N, C-alpha and C. Protein backbone atom coordinates (compact mmCIF):
# COMPACT_ATOMS: atom_id res chain seq x y z
N MET A 1 0.84 -1.18 0.00
CA MET A 1 0.00 0.00 0.00
C MET A 1 0.88 1.24 0.00
N SER A 2 0.54 2.18 -0.81
CA SER A 2 1.30 3.42 -0.91
C SER A 2 0.83 4.42 0.14
N VAL A 3 1.73 5.28 0.53
CA VAL A 3 1.41 6.35 1.47
C VAL A 3 1.83 7.67 0.84
N ALA A 4 1.26 8.74 1.31
CA ALA A 4 1.61 10.07 0.83
C ALA A 4 2.66 10.68 1.76
N ILE A 5 3.62 11.37 1.16
CA ILE A 5 4.64 12.09 1.92
C ILE A 5 4.58 13.54 1.48
N GLN A 6 4.58 14.43 2.44
CA GLN A 6 4.57 15.86 2.12
C GLN A 6 5.81 16.50 2.73
N ILE A 7 6.49 17.30 1.94
CA ILE A 7 7.69 17.99 2.42
C ILE A 7 7.43 19.49 2.35
N LYS A 8 7.56 20.13 3.48
CA LYS A 8 7.31 21.58 3.56
C LYS A 8 8.62 22.35 3.59
N ASP A 9 8.51 23.63 3.31
CA ASP A 9 9.63 24.57 3.40
C ASP A 9 10.78 24.22 2.45
N VAL A 10 10.46 23.74 1.27
CA VAL A 10 11.48 23.48 0.25
C VAL A 10 11.76 24.80 -0.47
N PRO A 11 13.01 25.21 -0.53
CA PRO A 11 13.32 26.47 -1.22
C PRO A 11 12.88 26.40 -2.70
N GLU A 12 12.44 27.54 -3.22
CA GLU A 12 11.95 27.60 -4.59
C GLU A 12 13.00 27.12 -5.60
N GLU A 13 14.25 27.49 -5.39
CA GLU A 13 15.28 27.08 -6.35
C GLU A 13 15.45 25.56 -6.37
N VAL A 14 15.28 24.92 -5.22
CA VAL A 14 15.36 23.45 -5.16
C VAL A 14 14.17 22.85 -5.89
N ARG A 15 12.97 23.37 -5.62
CA ARG A 15 11.77 22.88 -6.30
C ARG A 15 11.91 23.05 -7.81
N ASP A 16 12.40 24.19 -8.23
CA ASP A 16 12.55 24.45 -9.67
C ASP A 16 13.58 23.51 -10.30
N ALA A 17 14.67 23.26 -9.62
CA ALA A 17 15.69 22.35 -10.14
C ALA A 17 15.14 20.94 -10.26
N ILE A 18 14.39 20.50 -9.26
CA ILE A 18 13.78 19.16 -9.31
C ILE A 18 12.79 19.07 -10.46
N ALA A 19 12.00 20.12 -10.64
CA ALA A 19 11.03 20.13 -11.74
C ALA A 19 11.75 20.06 -13.09
N ARG A 20 12.87 20.77 -13.23
CA ARG A 20 13.64 20.73 -14.49
C ARG A 20 14.21 19.34 -14.74
N ARG A 21 14.76 18.74 -13.70
CA ARG A 21 15.33 17.39 -13.85
C ARG A 21 14.24 16.39 -14.25
N ALA A 22 13.10 16.49 -13.60
CA ALA A 22 11.99 15.59 -13.92
C ALA A 22 11.57 15.78 -15.38
N ALA A 23 11.41 17.03 -15.79
CA ALA A 23 10.98 17.32 -17.17
C ALA A 23 12.01 16.82 -18.18
N SER A 24 13.30 16.94 -17.85
CA SER A 24 14.34 16.49 -18.79
C SER A 24 14.32 14.98 -18.96
N ARG A 25 13.74 14.28 -18.00
CA ARG A 25 13.61 12.82 -18.08
C ARG A 25 12.22 12.39 -18.56
N GLY A 26 11.39 13.37 -18.86
CA GLY A 26 10.04 13.07 -19.31
C GLY A 26 9.14 12.55 -18.20
N GLN A 27 9.43 12.95 -16.97
CA GLN A 27 8.67 12.50 -15.80
C GLN A 27 7.98 13.67 -15.14
N SER A 28 6.94 13.34 -14.39
CA SER A 28 6.35 14.34 -13.51
C SER A 28 7.28 14.50 -12.31
N THR A 29 7.11 15.60 -11.61
CA THR A 29 7.91 15.80 -10.39
C THR A 29 7.65 14.67 -9.41
N GLN A 30 6.40 14.26 -9.29
CA GLN A 30 6.05 13.16 -8.38
C GLN A 30 6.76 11.87 -8.77
N ALA A 31 6.72 11.51 -10.03
CA ALA A 31 7.38 10.28 -10.48
C ALA A 31 8.89 10.35 -10.27
N TYR A 32 9.47 11.51 -10.56
CA TYR A 32 10.91 11.69 -10.37
C TYR A 32 11.30 11.51 -8.91
N LEU A 33 10.56 12.18 -8.01
CA LEU A 33 10.88 12.09 -6.58
C LEU A 33 10.63 10.69 -6.03
N ARG A 34 9.58 10.02 -6.50
CA ARG A 34 9.32 8.65 -6.05
C ARG A 34 10.47 7.74 -6.45
N ALA A 35 10.95 7.86 -7.69
CA ALA A 35 12.08 7.05 -8.16
C ALA A 35 13.34 7.36 -7.35
N LEU A 36 13.54 8.63 -7.03
CA LEU A 36 14.69 9.04 -6.23
C LEU A 36 14.64 8.39 -4.84
N LEU A 37 13.48 8.42 -4.21
CA LEU A 37 13.32 7.79 -2.89
C LEU A 37 13.52 6.28 -2.97
N GLU A 38 13.00 5.66 -4.02
CA GLU A 38 13.16 4.21 -4.16
C GLU A 38 14.62 3.84 -4.37
N ARG A 39 15.36 4.62 -5.15
CA ARG A 39 16.80 4.36 -5.34
C ARG A 39 17.55 4.49 -4.03
N GLU A 40 17.20 5.49 -3.26
CA GLU A 40 17.85 5.69 -1.96
C GLU A 40 17.58 4.50 -1.04
N PHE A 41 16.35 4.03 -1.04
CA PHE A 41 15.98 2.87 -0.22
C PHE A 41 16.79 1.64 -0.64
N ARG A 42 16.86 1.38 -1.95
CA ARG A 42 17.61 0.20 -2.43
C ARG A 42 19.09 0.32 -2.10
N ALA A 43 19.65 1.50 -2.23
CA ALA A 43 21.07 1.69 -1.93
C ALA A 43 21.35 1.40 -0.45
N GLU A 44 20.48 1.87 0.42
CA GLU A 44 20.66 1.62 1.86
C GLU A 44 20.51 0.13 2.17
N ARG A 45 19.50 -0.50 1.56
CA ARG A 45 19.29 -1.94 1.78
C ARG A 45 20.51 -2.72 1.30
N ASN A 46 21.05 -2.36 0.13
CA ASN A 46 22.22 -3.04 -0.39
C ASN A 46 23.44 -2.83 0.50
N ARG A 47 23.57 -1.62 1.04
CA ARG A 47 24.70 -1.34 1.94
C ARG A 47 24.64 -2.23 3.17
N HIS A 48 23.44 -2.40 3.73
CA HIS A 48 23.29 -3.28 4.90
C HIS A 48 23.60 -4.73 4.55
N LEU A 49 23.18 -5.16 3.38
CA LEU A 49 23.46 -6.53 2.95
C LEU A 49 24.96 -6.76 2.82
N ILE A 50 25.64 -5.83 2.18
CA ILE A 50 27.09 -5.97 2.01
C ILE A 50 27.79 -5.96 3.35
N GLU A 51 27.38 -5.08 4.26
CA GLU A 51 27.99 -5.03 5.59
C GLU A 51 27.76 -6.34 6.35
N SER A 52 26.60 -6.96 6.15
CA SER A 52 26.33 -8.22 6.85
C SER A 52 27.19 -9.36 6.32
N LEU A 53 27.71 -9.23 5.10
CA LEU A 53 28.53 -10.28 4.51
C LEU A 53 30.01 -10.12 4.82
N VAL A 54 30.41 -8.95 5.30
CA VAL A 54 31.82 -8.71 5.60
C VAL A 54 32.28 -9.71 6.65
N GLY A 55 33.37 -10.36 6.35
CA GLY A 55 33.93 -11.32 7.29
C GLY A 55 33.36 -12.72 7.17
N ARG A 56 32.30 -12.88 6.42
CA ARG A 56 31.70 -14.21 6.28
C ARG A 56 32.24 -14.97 5.08
N ARG A 57 32.71 -14.26 4.10
CA ARG A 57 33.18 -14.90 2.88
C ARG A 57 34.53 -14.31 2.49
N THR A 58 35.32 -15.14 1.86
CA THR A 58 36.60 -14.67 1.37
C THR A 58 36.74 -15.05 -0.09
N LEU A 59 37.72 -14.49 -0.73
CA LEU A 59 38.00 -14.84 -2.12
C LEU A 59 38.86 -16.09 -2.22
N ALA A 60 39.30 -16.63 -1.09
CA ALA A 60 40.19 -17.78 -1.08
C ALA A 60 39.43 -19.08 -0.78
N MET A 61 38.19 -19.15 -1.19
CA MET A 61 37.38 -20.35 -0.93
C MET A 61 37.61 -21.37 -2.04
N ASP A 62 37.68 -22.67 -1.66
CA ASP A 62 37.75 -23.69 -2.69
C ASP A 62 36.33 -24.08 -3.11
N ALA A 63 36.20 -24.95 -4.09
CA ALA A 63 34.89 -25.30 -4.66
C ALA A 63 33.97 -25.90 -3.61
N ASP A 64 34.49 -26.76 -2.74
CA ASP A 64 33.66 -27.38 -1.71
C ASP A 64 33.12 -26.35 -0.73
N GLU A 65 33.94 -25.37 -0.38
CA GLU A 65 33.50 -24.30 0.52
C GLU A 65 32.42 -23.44 -0.14
N VAL A 66 32.56 -23.20 -1.43
CA VAL A 66 31.56 -22.42 -2.16
C VAL A 66 30.23 -23.16 -2.15
N VAL A 67 30.27 -24.45 -2.45
CA VAL A 67 29.04 -25.27 -2.46
C VAL A 67 28.41 -25.27 -1.07
N ALA A 68 29.20 -25.43 -0.03
CA ALA A 68 28.68 -25.44 1.34
C ALA A 68 28.04 -24.11 1.69
N GLU A 69 28.66 -23.02 1.27
CA GLU A 69 28.12 -21.68 1.55
C GLU A 69 26.79 -21.47 0.84
N ILE A 70 26.71 -21.90 -0.42
CA ILE A 70 25.46 -21.78 -1.17
C ILE A 70 24.36 -22.61 -0.52
N ARG A 71 24.67 -23.83 -0.15
CA ARG A 71 23.67 -24.68 0.51
C ARG A 71 23.21 -24.09 1.83
N ALA A 72 24.13 -23.57 2.60
CA ALA A 72 23.77 -22.95 3.88
C ALA A 72 22.85 -21.76 3.65
N GLY A 73 23.13 -20.96 2.64
CA GLY A 73 22.29 -19.82 2.32
C GLY A 73 20.90 -20.24 1.90
N ARG A 74 20.82 -21.29 1.10
CA ARG A 74 19.51 -21.78 0.65
C ARG A 74 18.70 -22.33 1.82
N GLU A 75 19.36 -23.06 2.71
CA GLU A 75 18.66 -23.62 3.87
C GLU A 75 18.16 -22.51 4.80
N ALA A 76 18.92 -21.45 4.93
CA ALA A 76 18.52 -20.33 5.77
C ALA A 76 17.31 -19.64 5.20
N ASP A 77 17.16 -19.64 3.86
CA ASP A 77 16.02 -19.00 3.21
C ASP A 77 14.73 -19.81 3.36
N GLU A 78 14.85 -21.08 3.66
CA GLU A 78 13.66 -21.93 3.75
C GLU A 78 12.92 -21.79 5.04
């Protein structure tokens, strides 16, 4: 379900710049800002995922270790 977000006290020059960027992409200001927020969300989610993997895997794994890691990941998802 979608929710509405309202941002107050945005300087006119910022609003105008956002409107220009949206128009240059053929988007409405709403669509442009929604995509911007979604990209920010994905970037943060990806950052957390990468941080959670630090120290768990190395580039010096042999084939058996890779298979074991994949199986462990699949079992955790179930």
